[in-house]
C-alpha atoms as a PDB file:
ATOM      1  CA  MET A   1      39.435  54.396 -67.224  1.00  0.00           C
ATOM      2  CA  GLY A   2      40.869  55.232 -63.810  1.00  0.00           C
ATOM      3  CA  ARG A   3      38.378  53.352 -61.807  1.00  0.00           C
ATOM      4  CA  ARG A   4      38.727  50.076 -59.847  1.00  0.00           C
ATOM      5  CA  ILE A   5      36.993  47.028 -61.456  1.00  0.00           C
ATOM      6  CA  HIS A   6      33.916  45.562 -59.699  1.00  0.00           C
ATOM      7  CA  PHE A   7      33.406  41.930 -60.509  1.00  0.00           C
ATOM      8  CA  VAL A   8      30.352  40.050 -59.239  1.00  0.00           C
ATOM      9  CA  VAL A   9      30.524  36.215 -58.932  1.00  0.00           C
ATOM     10  CA  ASP A  10      26.962  35.128 -59.954  1.00  0.00           C
ATOM     11  CA  PRO A  11      26.522  32.303 -62.492  1.00  0.00           C
ATOM     12  CA  GLN A  12      23.087  33.498 -63.078  1.00  0.00           C
ATOM     13  CA  GLY A  13      24.472  36.900 -64.179  1.00  0.00           C
ATOM     14  CA  TRP A  14      27.093  35.279 -66.286  1.00  0.00           C
ATOM     15  CA  CYS A  15      24.504  33.295 -68.395  1.00  0.00           C
ATOM     16  CA  CYS A  16      22.389  36.467 -68.778  1.00  0.00           C
ATOM     17  CA  MET A  17      25.251  38.580 -69.839  1.00  0.00           C
ATOM     18  CA  GLY A  18      26.551  35.824 -72.100  1.00  0.00           C
ATOM     19  CA  LEU A  19      23.242  35.734 -73.802  1.00  0.00           C
ATOM     20  CA  ILE A  20      23.308  39.422 -74.529  1.00  0.00           C
ATOM     21  CA  ILE A  21      26.816  39.126 -75.821  1.00  0.00           C
ATOM     22  CA  PHE A  22      25.714  36.241 -78.081  1.00  0.00           C
ATOM     23  CA  VAL A  23      22.902  38.491 -79.619  1.00  0.00           C
ATOM     24  CA  TRP A  24      25.284  41.288 -80.144  1.00  0.00           C
ATOM     25  CA  LEU A  25      27.889  39.136 -81.685  1.00  0.00           C
ATOM     26  CA  TYR A  26      25.442  37.309 -84.031  1.00  0.00           C
ATOM     27  CA  ASN A  27      24.092  40.525 -85.556  1.00  0.00           C
ATOM     28  CA  THR A  28      27.503  42.369 -85.572  1.00  0.00           C
ATOM     29  CA  ILE A  29      28.918  39.368 -87.725  1.00  0.00           C
ATOM     30  CA  PHE A  30      26.003  38.285 -89.701  1.00  0.00           C
ATOM     31  CA  ILE A  31      24.351  41.697 -90.681  1.00  0.00           C
ATOM     32  CA  PRO A  32      27.458  43.261 -92.272  1.00  0.00           C
ATOM     33  CA  LYS A  33      28.362  39.875 -93.976  1.00  0.00           C
ATOM     34  CA  VAL A  34      25.025  39.213 -95.544  1.00  0.00           C
ATOM     35  CA  ILE A  35      23.403  42.679 -95.995  1.00  0.00           C
ATOM     36  CA  LEU A  36      25.956  45.589 -95.655  1.00  0.00           C
ATOM     37  CA  PHE A  37      28.952  44.403 -97.542  1.00  0.00           C
ATOM     38  CA  PRO A  38      27.281  42.756-100.444  1.00  0.00           C
ATOM     39  CA  HIS A  39      24.954  45.705-101.015  1.00  0.00           C
ATOM     40  CA  TYR A  40      28.019  48.090-100.733  1.00  0.00           C
ATOM     41  CA  GLU A  41      29.925  46.090-103.288  1.00  0.00           C
ATOM     42  CA  GLU A  42      27.025  46.348-105.828  1.00  0.00           C
ATOM     43  CA  GLY A  43      26.700  50.065-105.054  1.00  0.00           C
ATOM     44  CA  HIS A  44      23.260  49.979-103.302  1.00  0.00           C
ATOM     45  CA  ILE A  45      24.340  51.616-100.125  1.00  0.00           C
ATOM     46  CA  SER A  46      27.349  53.969 -99.078  1.00  0.00           C
ATOM     47  CA  VAL A  47      30.138  53.356 -96.757  1.00  0.00           C
ATOM     48  CA  VAL A  48      28.259  55.632 -94.189  1.00  0.00           C
ATOM     49  CA  ALA A  49      25.883  52.750 -93.502  1.00  0.00           C
ATOM     50  CA  ILE A  50      28.546  50.387 -92.609  1.00  0.00           C
ATOM     51  CA  LEU A  51      30.405  52.816 -90.470  1.00  0.00           C
ATOM     52  CA  SER A  52      27.146  53.772 -88.679  1.00  0.00           C
ATOM     53  CA  TYR A  53      26.395  50.181 -87.907  1.00  0.00           C
ATOM     54  CA  TYR A  54      29.793  49.528 -86.560  1.00  0.00           C
ATOM     55  CA  PHE A  55      29.586  52.857 -84.570  1.00  0.00           C
ATOM     56  CA  CYS A  56      26.403  51.687 -83.029  1.00  0.00           C
ATOM     57  CA  SER A  57      27.831  48.264 -82.324  1.00  0.00           C
ATOM     58  CA  LEU A  58      31.129  49.595 -80.742  1.00  0.00           C
ATOM     59  CA  PHE A  59      29.441  51.935 -78.446  1.00  0.00           C
ATOM     60  CA  CYS A  60      26.863  49.268 -77.452  1.00  0.00           C
ATOM     61  CA  ILE A  61      29.503  46.744 -76.385  1.00  0.00           C
ATOM     62  CA  ALA A  62      31.680  49.265 -74.862  1.00  0.00           C
ATOM     63  CA  SER A  63      28.727  50.436 -72.592  1.00  0.00           C
ATOM     64  CA  LEU A  64      27.846  46.921 -71.833  1.00  0.00           C
ATOM     65  CA  LEU A  65      31.256  45.744 -70.615  1.00  0.00           C
ATOM     66  CA  ARG A  66      32.040  49.028 -68.762  1.00  0.00           C
ATOM     67  CA  ALA A  67      28.652  48.784 -66.840  1.00  0.00           C
ATOM     68  CA  SER A  68      29.200  45.249 -65.967  1.00  0.00           C
ATOM     69  CA  VAL A  69      32.654  45.858 -64.377  1.00  0.00           C
ATOM     70  CA  ALA A  70      32.340  49.236 -63.099  1.00  0.00           C
ATOM     71  CA  ASP A  71      31.960  50.036 -59.333  1.00  0.00           C
ATOM     72  CA  PRO A  72      28.251  50.872 -58.972  1.00  0.00           C
ATOM     73  CA  GLY A  73      28.916  52.824 -55.738  1.00  0.00           C
ATOM     74  CA  LYS A  74      29.933  50.271 -53.221  1.00  0.00           C
ATOM     75  CA  LEU A  75      30.423  51.785 -49.732  1.00  0.00           C
ATOM     76  CA  PRO A  76      33.655  51.277 -47.978  1.00  0.00           C
ATOM     77  CA  GLU A  77      33.759  49.316 -44.664  1.00  0.00           C
ATOM     78  CA  ASN A  78      34.781  52.212 -42.530  1.00  0.00           C
ATOM     79  CA  PRO A  79      33.407  55.326 -44.360  1.00  0.00           C
ATOM     80  CA  LYS A  80      34.569  58.785 -43.073  1.00  0.00           C
ATOM     81  CA  ILE A  81      31.475  60.680 -42.138  1.00  0.00           C
ATOM     82  CA  ARG A  82      31.628  64.364 -41.537  1.00  0.00           C
ATOM     83  CA  VAL A  83      30.308  65.782 -38.376  1.00  0.00           C
ATOM     84  CA  THR A  84      27.940  68.183 -40.394  1.00  0.00           C
ATOM     85  CA  GLU A  85      26.460  65.221 -42.504  1.00  0.00           C
ATOM     86  CA  ARG A  86      25.829  62.473 -39.851  1.00  0.00           C
ATOM     87  CA  GLU A  87      22.148  63.199 -39.767  1.00  0.00           C
ATOM     88  CA  TYR A  88      22.020  62.233 -43.521  1.00  0.00           C
ATOM     89  CA  TRP A  89      23.520  58.817 -42.718  1.00  0.00           C
ATOM     90  CA  GLU A  90      21.760  55.721 -41.472  1.00  0.00           C
ATOM     91  CA  LEU A  91      22.551  52.127 -40.203  1.00  0.00           C
ATOM     92  CA  CYS A  92      21.977  49.305 -42.581  1.00  0.00           C
ATOM     93  CA  ASN A  93      19.976  46.560 -40.735  1.00  0.00           C
ATOM     94  CA  LYS A  94      21.581  43.955 -43.020  1.00  0.00           C
ATOM     95  CA  CYS A  95      25.314  44.470 -43.033  1.00  0.00           C
ATOM     96  CA  ASN A  96      25.403  46.811 -39.933  1.00  0.00           C
ATOM     97  CA  MET A  97      27.303  49.485 -41.688  1.00  0.00           C
ATOM     98  CA  MET A  98      26.596  53.129 -41.947  1.00  0.00           C
ATOM     99  CA  ARG A  99      25.515  54.353 -45.290  1.00  0.00           C
ATOM    100  CA  PRO A 100      24.074  57.620 -46.852  1.00  0.00           C
ATOM    101  CA  LYS A 101      20.328  57.828 -47.089  1.00  0.00           C
ATOM    102  CA  ARG A 102      18.936  56.631 -50.519  1.00  0.00           C
ATOM    103  CA  SER A 103      21.508  53.799 -50.468  1.00  0.00           C
ATOM    104  CA  HIS A 104      20.319  50.228 -50.518  1.00  0.00           C
ATOM    105  CA  HIS A 105      21.630  46.874 -49.630  1.00  0.00           C
ATOM    106  CA  CYS A 106      21.792  44.499 -52.508  1.00  0.00           C
ATOM    107  CA  SER A 107      21.213  40.907 -51.289  1.00  0.00           C
ATOM    108  CA  ARG A 108      22.751  39.374 -54.372  1.00  0.00           C
ATOM    109  CA  CYS A 109      25.947  41.298 -54.194  1.00  0.00           C
ATOM    110  CA  GLY A 110      26.079  41.405 -50.424  1.00  0.00           C
ATOM    111  CA  HIS A 111      26.869  45.122 -49.792  1.00  0.00           C
ATOM    112  CA  CYS A 112      25.201  48.434 -49.813  1.00  0.00           C
ATOM    113  CA  VAL A 113      25.268  50.690 -52.935  1.00  0.00           C
ATOM    114  CA  ARG A 114      24.900  54.480 -52.998  1.00  0.00           C
ATOM    115  CA  ARG A 115      21.675  55.491 -54.634  1.00  0.00           C
ATOM    116  CA  MET A 116      21.150  51.993 -55.948  1.00  0.00           C
ATOM    117  CA  ASP A 117      18.407  51.766 -58.636  1.00  0.00           C
ATOM    118  CA  HIS A 118      18.300  48.008 -59.045  1.00  0.00           C
ATOM    119  CA  HIS A 119      20.407  44.912 -59.529  1.00  0.00           C
ATOM    120  CA  CYS A 120      20.461  44.042 -63.320  1.00  0.00           C
ATOM    121  CA  PRO A 121      21.361  40.285 -64.134  1.00  0.00           C
ATOM    122  CA  TRP A 122      21.913  41.332 -67.750  1.00  0.00           C
ATOM    123  CA  ILE A 123      24.968  43.231 -66.807  1.00  0.00           C
ATOM    124  CA  ASN A 124      25.691  41.045 -63.803  1.00  0.00           C
ATOM    125  CA  ASN A 125      26.075  44.147 -61.710  1.00  0.00           C
ATOM    126  CA  CYS A 126      24.079  46.642 -59.602  1.00  0.00           C
ATOM    127  CA  VAL A 127      23.046  49.948 -61.235  1.00  0.00           C
ATOM    128  CA  GLY A 128      24.046  52.652 -58.764  1.00  0.00           C
ATOM    129  CA  GLU A 129      25.307  56.099 -58.530  1.00  0.00           C
ATOM    130  CA  ASP A 130      28.590  55.544 -60.268  1.00  0.00           C
ATOM    131  CA  ASN A 131      27.521  53.381 -63.209  1.00  0.00           C
ATOM    132  CA  HIS A 132      24.016  54.412 -63.864  1.00  0.00           C
ATOM    133  CA  TRP A 133      25.079  56.685 -66.805  1.00  0.00           C
ATOM    134  CA  LEU A 134      26.733  53.602 -68.355  1.00  0.00           C
ATOM    135  CA  PHE A 135      23.568  51.597 -67.994  1.00  0.00           C
ATOM    136  CA  LEU A 136      21.503  54.400 -69.699  1.00  0.00           C
ATOM    137  CA  GLN A 137      24.013  54.451 -72.621  1.00  0.00           C
ATOM    138  CA  LEU A 138      23.686  50.729 -72.878  1.00  0.00           C
ATOM    139  CA  CYS A 139      19.905  50.973 -73.081  1.00  0.00           C
ATOM    140  CA  PHE A 140      20.228  53.763 -75.631  1.00  0.00           C
ATOM    141  CA  TYR A 141      22.719  52.041 -77.987  1.00  0.00           C
ATOM    142  CA  THR A 142      21.074  48.681 -77.702  1.00  0.00           C
ATOM    143  CA  GLN A 143      17.815  50.219 -78.975  1.00  0.00           C
ATOM    144  CA  LEU A 144      19.643  52.154 -81.668  1.00  0.00           C
ATOM    145  CA  LEU A 145      21.401  48.886 -82.828  1.00  0.00           C
ATOM    146  CA  SER A 146      18.238  46.697 -82.755  1.00  0.00           C
ATOM    147  CA  ALA A 147      16.216  49.361 -84.636  1.00  0.00           C
ATOM    148  CA  TYR A 148      19.147  49.707 -87.195  1.00  0.00           C
ATOM    149  CA  THR A 149      19.073  45.868 -87.642  1.00  0.00           C
ATOM    150  CA  LEU A 150      15.426  45.491 -88.126  1.00  0.00           C
ATOM    151  CA  ILE A 151      15.604  48.244 -90.621  1.00  0.00           C
ATOM    152  CA  LEU A 152      18.294  46.525 -92.645  1.00  0.00           C
ATOM    153  CA  ASP A 153      16.419  43.180 -92.437  1.00  0.00           C
ATOM    154  CA  PHE A 154      13.366  44.875 -94.004  1.00  0.00           C
ATOM    155  CA  CYS A 155      15.188  46.829 -96.501  1.00  0.00           C
ATOM    156  CA  HIS A 156      17.212  43.656 -97.722  1.00  0.00           C
ATOM    157  CA  TYR A 157      14.083  42.017 -98.970  1.00  0.00           C
ATOM    158  CA  TYR A 158      11.674  44.911 -99.687  1.00  0.00           C
ATOM    159  CA  TYR A 159      13.763  47.872-100.726  1.00  0.00           C
ATOM    160  CA  PHE A 160      17.252  47.067-101.799  1.00  0.00           C
ATOM    161  CA  LEU A 161      17.836  45.837-105.299  1.00  0.00           C
ATOM    162  CA  PRO A 162      18.271  42.047-105.490  1.00  0.00           C
ATOM    163  CA  LEU A 163      21.882  40.793-105.153  1.00  0.00           C
ATOM    164  CA  LYS A 164      23.678  38.912-107.807  1.00  0.00           C
ATOM    165  CA  LYS A 165      24.267  35.890-105.466  1.00  0.00           C
ATOM    166  CA  GLU A 166      27.520  34.702-106.955  1.00  0.00           C
ATOM    167  CA  ASN A 167      28.496  32.818-103.703  1.00  0.00           C
ATOM    168  CA  TRP A 168      25.549  30.729-102.919  1.00  0.00           C
ATOM    169  CA  ASP A 169      27.989  28.003-101.736  1.00  0.00           C
ATOM    170  CA  VAL A 170      28.623  30.044 -98.564  1.00  0.00           C
ATOM    171  CA  PHE A 171      26.625  28.792 -95.622  1.00  0.00           C
ATOM    172  CA  VAL A 172      25.089  32.158 -94.636  1.00  0.00           C
ATOM    173  CA  PHE A 173      23.822  32.764 -98.074  1.00  0.00           C
ATOM    174  CA  ARG A 174      22.368  29.360 -98.466  1.00  0.00           C
ATOM    175  CA  HIS A 175      20.375  29.837 -95.040  1.00  0.00           C
ATOM    176  CA  GLU A 176      19.984  33.529 -95.388  1.00  0.00           C
ATOM    177  CA  LEU A 177      16.206  33.475 -94.937  1.00  0.00           C
ATOM    178  CA  ALA A 178      16.356  31.430 -91.708  1.00  0.00           C
ATOM    179  CA  LEU A 179      19.153  33.588 -90.402  1.00  0.00           C
ATOM    180  CA  LEU A 180      17.480  36.806 -91.150  1.00  0.00           C
ATOM    181  CA  ARG A 181      14.356  35.596 -89.431  1.00  0.00           C
ATOM    182  CA  ILE A 182      16.437  34.801 -86.211  1.00  0.00           C
ATOM    183  CA  SER A 183      17.968  38.304 -86.496  1.00  0.00           C
ATOM    184  CA  ALA A 184      14.560  39.981 -86.724  1.00  0.00           C
ATOM    185  CA  PHE A 185      13.165  38.001 -84.016  1.00  0.00           C
ATOM    186  CA  MET A 186      15.915  38.844 -81.647  1.00  0.00           C
ATOM    187  CA  GLY A 187      15.884  42.410 -82.662  1.00  0.00           C
ATOM    188  CA  LEU A 188      12.050  42.611 -81.968  1.00  0.00           C
ATOM    189  CA  ILE A 189      12.446  40.994 -78.581  1.00  0.00           C
ATOM    190  CA  VAL A 190      15.482  43.127 -77.459  1.00  0.00           C
ATOM    191  CA  LEU A 191      13.969  46.371 -78.872  1.00  0.00           C
ATOM    192  CA  GLY A 192      10.663  45.837 -77.091  1.00  0.00           C
ATOM    193  CA  GLY A 193      12.227  45.005 -73.707  1.00  0.00           C
ATOM    194  CA  ILE A 194      14.896  47.581 -73.753  1.00  0.00           C
ATOM    195  CA  SER A 195      12.472  50.401 -74.962  1.00  0.00           C
ATOM    196  CA  GLY A 196      10.240  49.785 -71.812  1.00  0.00           C
ATOM    197  CA  LEU A 197      13.202  49.640 -69.494  1.00  0.00           C
ATOM    198  CA  PHE A 198      14.847  52.831 -71.039  1.00  0.00           C
ATOM    199  CA  TYR A 199      11.573  54.764 -70.553  1.00  0.00           C
ATOM    200  CA  THR A 200      11.197  53.864 -66.917  1.00  0.00           C
ATOM    201  CA  GLN A 201      14.872  54.880 -66.376  1.00  0.00           C
ATOM    202  CA  LEU A 202      14.157  58.140 -68.071  1.00  0.00           C
ATOM    203  CA  MET A 203      11.110  58.898 -66.010  1.00  0.00           C
ATOM    204  CA  GLY A 204      13.062  57.942 -62.788  1.00  0.00           C
ATOM    205  CA  ILE A 205      15.744  60.553 -63.636  1.00  0.00           C
ATOM    206  CA  PHE A 206      13.172  63.231 -64.532  1.00  0.00           C
ATOM    207  CA  THR A 207      11.401  62.592 -61.101  1.00  0.00           C
ATOM    208  CA  ASP A 208      14.642  62.124 -59.181  1.00  0.00           C
ATOM    209  CA  THR A 209      13.627  58.630 -57.959  1.00  0.00           C
ATOM    210  CA  THR A 210      15.204  55.128 -58.238  1.00  0.00           C
ATOM    211  CA  SER A 211      13.291  52.095 -58.995  1.00  0.00           C
ATOM    212  CA  ILE A 212      13.663  50.773 -55.491  1.00  0.00           C
ATOM    213  CA  GLU A 213      12.106  54.014 -54.206  1.00  0.00           C
ATOM    214  CA  LYS A 214       9.231  53.733 -56.579  1.00  0.00           C
ATOM    215  CA  MET A 215       8.548  50.083 -55.534  1.00  0.00           C
ATOM    216  CA  SER A 216       8.616  50.843 -51.881  1.00  0.00           C
ATOM    217  CA  ASN A 217       6.442  53.936 -52.181  1.00  0.00           C
ATOM    218  CA  CYS A 218       8.857  55.780 -49.799  1.00  0.00           C
ATOM    219  CA  CYS A 219       9.037  59.041 -51.745  1.00  0.00           C
ATOM    220  CA  GLU A 220       6.208  61.541 -51.753  1.00  0.00           C
ATOM    221  CA  ASP A 221       4.813  62.861 -55.073  1.00  0.00           C
ATOM    222  CA  ILE A 222       7.252  60.733 -57.097  1.00  0.00           C
ATOM    223  CA  SER A 223       5.612  61.889 -60.261  1.00  0.00           C
ATOM    224  CA  ARG A 224       6.539  65.650 -59.526  1.00  0.00           C
ATOM    225  CA  PRO A 225      10.065  66.683 -60.729  1.00  0.00           C
ATOM    226  CA  ARG A 226      12.157  67.766 -57.598  1.00  0.00           C
ATOM    227  CA  LYS A 227      14.830  69.337 -59.796  1.00  0.00           C
ATOM    228  CA  PRO A 228      15.230  70.650 -63.475  1.00  0.00           C
ATOM    229  CA  TRP A 229      15.780  67.757 -65.688  1.00  0.00           C
ATOM    230  CA  GLN A 230      19.057  69.231 -66.760  1.00  0.00           C
ATOM    231  CA  GLN A 231      20.449  69.049 -63.275  1.00  0.00           C
ATOM    232  CA  THR A 232      19.216  65.476 -62.582  1.00  0.00           C
ATOM    233  CA  PHE A 233      20.774  64.320 -65.814  1.00  0.00           C
ATOM    234  CA  SER A 234      24.088  66.176 -65.206  1.00  0.00           C
ATOM    235  CA  GLU A 235      24.239  64.423 -61.747  1.00  0.00           C
ATOM    236  CA  VAL A 236      23.720  60.909 -63.200  1.00  0.00           C
ATOM    237  CA  PHE A 237      26.305  61.502 -66.099  1.00  0.00           C
ATOM    238  CA  GLY A 238      28.699  63.551 -64.161  1.00  0.00           C
ATOM    239  CA  THR A 239      28.853  66.457 -66.506  1.00  0.00           C
ATOM    240  CA  GLN A 240      26.795  69.275 -67.749  1.00  0.00           C
ATOM    241  CA  TRP A 241      28.115  68.936 -71.336  1.00  0.00           C
ATOM    242  CA  LYS A 242      25.219  67.045 -73.068  1.00  0.00           C
ATOM    243  CA  ILE A 243      27.429  65.727 -75.793  1.00  0.00           C
ATOM    244  CA  LEU A 244      29.376  63.702 -73.317  1.00  0.00           C
ATOM    245  CA  TRP A 245      26.365  61.985 -72.123  1.00  0.00           C
ATOM    246  CA  PHE A 246      26.661  59.723 -75.304  1.00  0.00           C
ATOM    247  CA  ILE A 247      30.231  58.830 -74.915  1.00  0.00           C
ATOM    248  CA  PRO A 248      31.099  55.638 -72.938  1.00  0.00           C
ATOM    249  CA  PHE A 249      34.925  56.155 -73.386  1.00  0.00           C
ATOM    250  CA  ARG A 250      35.491  58.655 -70.653  1.00  0.00           C
ATOM    251  CA  GLN A 251      35.777  58.840 -66.882  1.00  0.00           C
ATOM    252  CA  ARG A 252      32.865  60.122 -64.878  1.00  0.00           C
ATOM    253  CA  GLN A 253      33.556  62.959 -62.560  1.00  0.00           C
ATOM    254  CA  PRO A 254      30.882  63.192 -59.997  1.00  0.00           C
ATOM    255  CA  LEU A 255      29.470  66.481 -59.369  1.00  0.00           C
ATOM    256  CA  ARG A 256      29.877  67.925 -55.920  1.00  0.00           C
ATOM    257  CA  ILE A 257      26.539  67.262 -54.469  1.00  0.00           C
ATOM    258  CA  PRO A 258      25.575  65.959 -51.020  1.00  0.00           C
ATOM    259  CA  TYR A 259      24.248  62.379 -50.390  1.00  0.00           C
ATOM    260  CA  HIS A 260      21.011  63.830 -49.291  1.00  0.00           C
ATOM    261  CA  PHE A 261      18.355  65.433 -51.394  1.00  0.00           C
ATOM    262  CA  ALA A 262      15.183  67.434 -50.976  1.00  0.00           C
ATOM    263  CA  ASN A 263      13.180  64.401 -50.176  1.00  0.00           C
ATOM    264  CA  HIS A 264      15.312  61.538 -48.991  1.00  0.00           C
ATOM    265  CA  VAL A 265      14.704  58.145 -47.930  1.00  0.00           C
END
């Protein structure tokens, strides 16, 4: 997408991300095979339901992969600092490099990240200025896919008409109940966890604060919005076109805003 690939060597992050991909792969293969396609063949649902599920699944995995390999905002070793902006830079006491204020040093990655929100092991990457929009998309589409999966699991037993079951010899149909319970369990866990995370992320954007700033209590009145919410969201997503906030298949164009803000760290 025109950006350099950022790869973090972290076995723990690989395991966490592998678990997320397994959950996504399990439901993407199992749900259409057991629920969507059989009910479509018998005329219980339309093709729109199948396309919608694959649409959510595609956008979910795309945002996950892009967020994990996108540069979160790693600072160069010798940044060029304008004379008029030197007062908005500071020296990192861990890597002894100059960085814009509101940057943070990630001990797991070993470098400073512009406007770092947190290091997420589930994407094996930091969440910073340049990939925060992808992380928000990941949370949104993961919630959407999990909720859709739970609805299909429920409707399969309590709303849709019973299937004719002409292929009981297939493994997935002989163990359908157990597989559906696993799918529902994973959907509830993921939906509950991601919903809480997505809420905190949205509140952070509304109040123009990062998770690190909230935990360190270094911003005054963090519950008071500093900017209009349209402006803060536009800065995160790199565009004022709201429809583009939901599309991961694009290149983010950072808005021309200074590194400092009204209340900086």
